[in-house]
Amino acid sequence: MKKLIFAITIVSAMLFFGTCDLKAQDFGQMPSPEQMAQMQADQMKDVVKLTDAQYPKVLEIFKDQTKKMMDMMGGGMPDQEKMAALFKEQDDKLKKVLTEDQHKKWTEHMQQMMQNFGGGF
């Protein structure tokens, strides 16, 4: 379980920072936390087929997560343990919104992304 949380933390951070890099290149500036959260929620919507009722809840979870991560960064990479705790908190919130099948599909998606990034968890 710890490996899974760590893997999700790493992949989420990659998504977070990758989104920042991509958008910074596209627009010459870093996207706002709200824009980053929307991109993450949109990705989840596509992957797990969120309902119209689930989407705004997931978006709020990602907005909260993004804000907390930006606060933790403070000019550098945040502490690994703090990031893991933050992503566990996010996962716990998502479990309350997603169905069991949706959560499983999202977790598998995140694990696949980790493997694609050369992780191998």
C-alpha atoms as a PDB file:
ATOM      1  CA  MET A   1       0.000   0.000   0.000  1.00  0.00           C
ATOM      2  CA  LYS A   2       2.839   2.408   0.801  1.00  0.00           C
ATOM      3  CA  LYS A   3       4.379   1.716  -2.605  1.00  0.00           C
ATOM      4  CA  LEU A   4       1.065   2.484  -4.274  1.00  0.00           C
ATOM      5  CA  ILE A   5       0.670   5.771  -2.398  1.00  0.00           C
ATOM      6  CA  PHE A   6       4.267   6.667  -3.229  1.00  0.00           C
ATOM      7  CA  ALA A   7       3.710   5.802  -6.896  1.00  0.00           C
ATOM      8  CA  ILE A   8       0.543   7.885  -7.035  1.00  0.00           C
ATOM      9  CA  THR A   9       2.389  10.735  -5.345  1.00  0.00           C
ATOM     10  CA  ILE A  10       5.170  10.632  -7.915  1.00  0.00           C
ATOM     11  CA  VAL A  11       2.836  10.372 -10.902  1.00  0.00           C
ATOM     12  CA  SER A  12       0.594  13.138  -9.588  1.00  0.00           C
ATOM     13  CA  ALA A  13       3.601  15.357  -9.050  1.00  0.00           C
ATOM     14  CA  MET A  14       4.787  14.585 -12.572  1.00  0.00           C
ATOM     15  CA  LEU A  15       1.354  15.460 -13.908  1.00  0.00           C
ATOM     16  CA  PHE A  16       1.313  18.606 -11.830  1.00  0.00           C
ATOM     17  CA  PHE A  17       4.751  19.779 -12.897  1.00  0.00           C
ATOM     18  CA  GLY A  18       4.317  18.507 -16.456  1.00  0.00           C
ATOM     19  CA  THR A  19       1.106  20.475 -16.773  1.00  0.00           C
ATOM     20  CA  CYS A  20       2.920  23.547 -15.497  1.00  0.00           C
ATOM     21  CA  ASP A  21       5.723  23.118 -18.026  1.00  0.00           C
ATOM     22  CA  LEU A  22       3.376  22.479 -20.938  1.00  0.00           C
ATOM     23  CA  LYS A  23       1.129  25.409 -20.186  1.00  0.00           C
ATOM     24  CA  ALA A  24       4.058  27.689 -19.478  1.00  0.00           C
ATOM     25  CA  GLN A  25       5.429  26.868 -22.915  1.00  0.00           C
ATOM     26  CA  ASP A  26       2.046  27.329 -24.600  1.00  0.00           C
ATOM     27  CA  PHE A  27       1.132  30.615 -22.982  1.00  0.00           C
ATOM     28  CA  GLY A  28       4.398  32.005 -21.692  1.00  0.00           C
ATOM     29  CA  GLN A  29       3.209  31.727 -18.103  1.00  0.00           C
ATOM     30  CA  MET A  30       2.323  29.150 -15.501  1.00  0.00           C
ATOM     31  CA  PRO A  31      -1.376  28.218 -15.392  1.00  0.00           C
ATOM     32  CA  SER A  32      -3.325  29.162 -12.313  1.00  0.00           C
ATOM     33  CA  PRO A  33      -4.044  26.524  -9.661  1.00  0.00           C
ATOM     34  CA  GLU A  34      -7.655  26.542 -10.879  1.00  0.00           C
ATOM     35  CA  GLN A  35      -6.556  25.819 -14.457  1.00  0.00           C
ATOM     36  CA  MET A  36      -4.281  23.000 -13.314  1.00  0.00           C
ATOM     37  CA  ALA A  37      -7.080  21.516 -11.215  1.00  0.00           C
ATOM     38  CA  GLN A  38      -9.453  21.701 -14.159  1.00  0.00           C
ATOM     39  CA  MET A  39      -6.961  19.888 -16.397  1.00  0.00           C
ATOM     40  CA  GLN A  40      -6.610  17.128 -13.794  1.00  0.00           C
ATOM     41  CA  ALA A  41     -10.380  16.850 -13.350  1.00  0.00           C
ATOM     42  CA  ASP A  42     -10.865  16.751 -17.119  1.00  0.00           C
ATOM     43  CA  GLN A  43      -8.354  13.932 -17.372  1.00  0.00           C
ATOM     44  CA  MET A  44     -10.158  12.011 -14.635  1.00  0.00           C
ATOM     45  CA  LYS A  45     -13.488  12.636 -16.355  1.00  0.00           C
ATOM     46  CA  ASP A  46     -12.131  11.036 -19.530  1.00  0.00           C
ATOM     47  CA  VAL A  47     -10.469   8.108 -17.776  1.00  0.00           C
ATOM     48  CA  VAL A  48     -13.189   7.042 -15.348  1.00  0.00           C
ATOM     49  CA  LYS A  49     -16.256   8.605 -16.996  1.00  0.00           C
ATOM     50  CA  LEU A  50     -17.268  10.926 -14.181  1.00  0.00           C
ATOM     51  CA  THR A  51     -20.936  11.815 -13.938  1.00  0.00           C
ATOM     52  CA  ASP A  52     -22.118  15.412 -14.110  1.00  0.00           C
ATOM     53  CA  ALA A  53     -22.680  15.256 -10.339  1.00  0.00           C
ATOM     54  CA  GLN A  54     -19.181  13.912  -9.620  1.00  0.00           C
ATOM     55  CA  TYR A  55     -17.225  16.359 -11.759  1.00  0.00           C
ATOM     56  CA  PRO A  56     -17.637  19.494  -9.598  1.00  0.00           C
ATOM     57  CA  LYS A  57     -16.747  17.510  -6.466  1.00  0.00           C
ATOM     58  CA  VAL A  58     -13.601  16.109  -8.083  1.00  0.00           C
ATOM     59  CA  LEU A  59     -12.715  19.568  -9.386  1.00  0.00           C
ATOM     60  CA  GLU A  60     -12.912  20.983  -5.849  1.00  0.00           C
ATOM     61  CA  ILE A  61     -10.691  18.177  -4.540  1.00  0.00           C
ATOM     62  CA  PHE A  62      -8.087  18.937  -7.205  1.00  0.00           C
ATOM     63  CA  LYS A  63      -8.340  22.695  -6.574  1.00  0.00           C
ATOM     64  CA  ASP A  64      -7.688  22.122  -2.879  1.00  0.00           C
ATOM     65  CA  GLN A  65      -4.825  19.736  -3.689  1.00  0.00           C
ATOM     66  CA  THR A  66      -3.220  22.148  -6.154  1.00  0.00           C
ATOM     67  CA  LYS A  67      -3.428  25.071  -3.741  1.00  0.00           C
ATOM     68  CA  LYS A  68      -1.879  23.017  -0.940  1.00  0.00           C
ATOM     69  CA  MET A  69       0.877  21.762  -3.232  1.00  0.00           C
ATOM     70  CA  MET A  70       1.682  25.298  -4.408  1.00  0.00           C
ATOM     71  CA  ASP A  71       1.848  26.412  -0.768  1.00  0.00           C
ATOM     72  CA  MET A  72       4.129  23.482   0.100  1.00  0.00           C
ATOM     73  CA  MET A  73       6.480  24.155  -2.783  1.00  0.00           C
ATOM     74  CA  GLY A  74       7.482  27.625  -1.640  1.00  0.00           C
ATOM     75  CA  GLY A  75      10.206  27.902  -4.262  1.00  0.00           C
ATOM     76  CA  GLY A  76      11.331  24.266  -4.317  1.00  0.00           C
ATOM     77  CA  MET A  77      10.302  20.655  -4.148  1.00  0.00           C
ATOM     78  CA  PRO A  78       8.251  19.867  -1.039  1.00  0.00           C
ATOM     79  CA  ASP A  79       9.223  17.194   1.460  1.00  0.00           C
ATOM     80  CA  GLN A  80       8.425  13.700   0.125  1.00  0.00           C
ATOM     81  CA  GLU A  81       6.567  12.655   3.287  1.00  0.00           C
ATOM     82  CA  LYS A  82       4.411  15.778   3.218  1.00  0.00           C
ATOM     83  CA  MET A  83       3.602  15.197  -0.435  1.00  0.00           C
ATOM     84  CA  ALA A  84       2.692  11.575   0.246  1.00  0.00           C
ATOM     85  CA  ALA A  85       0.382  12.680   3.063  1.00  0.00           C
ATOM     86  CA  LEU A  86      -1.203  15.267   0.793  1.00  0.00           C
ATOM     87  CA  PHE A  87      -1.871  12.717  -1.946  1.00  0.00           C
ATOM     88  CA  LYS A  88      -3.217  10.191   0.572  1.00  0.00           C
ATOM     89  CA  GLU A  89      -5.620  12.868   1.772  1.00  0.00           C
ATOM     90  CA  GLN A  90      -6.636  13.497  -1.837  1.00  0.00           C
ATOM     91  CA  ASP A  91      -7.122   9.781  -2.465  1.00  0.00           C
ATOM     92  CA  ASP A  92      -9.296   9.454   0.643  1.00  0.00           C
ATOM     93  CA  LYS A  93     -11.480  12.326  -0.585  1.00  0.00           C
ATOM     94  CA  LEU A  94     -11.708  10.848  -4.073  1.00  0.00           C
ATOM     95  CA  LYS A  95     -12.819   7.497  -2.636  1.00  0.00           C
ATOM     96  CA  LYS A  96     -15.840   9.278  -1.173  1.00  0.00           C
ATOM     97  CA  VAL A  97     -16.827  10.665  -4.590  1.00  0.00           C
ATOM     98  CA  LEU A  98     -15.894   7.873  -6.984  1.00  0.00           C
ATOM     99  CA  THR A  99     -17.467   4.459  -7.226  1.00  0.00           C
ATOM    100  CA  GLU A 100     -15.261   1.525  -6.325  1.00  0.00           C
ATOM    101  CA  ASP A 101     -14.840   0.700 -10.024  1.00  0.00           C
ATOM    102  CA  GLN A 102     -13.960   4.297 -10.903  1.00  0.00           C
ATOM    103  CA  HIS A 103     -11.384   4.477  -8.125  1.00  0.00           C
ATOM    104  CA  LYS A 104      -9.862   1.186  -9.234  1.00  0.00           C
ATOM    105  CA  LYS A 105      -9.702   2.415 -12.838  1.00  0.00           C
ATOM    106  CA  TRP A 106      -8.085   5.700 -11.765  1.00  0.00           C
ATOM    107  CA  THR A 107      -5.538   3.872  -9.599  1.00  0.00           C
ATOM    108  CA  GLU A 108      -4.694   1.543 -12.480  1.00  0.00           C
ATOM    109  CA  HIS A 109      -4.365   4.547 -14.789  1.00  0.00           C
ATOM    110  CA  MET A 110      -1.965   6.213 -12.348  1.00  0.00           C
ATOM    111  CA  GLN A 111       0.064   3.001 -12.025  1.00  0.00           C
ATOM    112  CA  GLN A 112       0.270   2.720 -15.809  1.00  0.00           C
ATOM    113  CA  MET A 113       1.453   6.310 -16.040  1.00  0.00           C
ATOM    114  CA  MET A 114       4.115   5.542 -13.443  1.00  0.00           C
ATOM    115  CA  GLN A 115       5.342   2.625 -15.538  1.00  0.00           C
ATOM    116  CA  ASN A 116       5.347   4.816 -18.639  1.00  0.00           C
ATOM    117  CA  PHE A 117       7.524   7.322 -16.776  1.00  0.00           C
ATOM    118  CA  GLY A 118       9.979   4.539 -15.978  1.00  0.00           C
ATOM    119  CA  GLY A 119       8.843   3.828 -12.418  1.00  0.00           C
ATOM    120  CA  GLY A 120       7.979   0.164 -12.272  1.00  0.00           C
ATOM    121  CA  PHE A 121       6.007  -0.078  -9.021  1.00  0.00           C
END
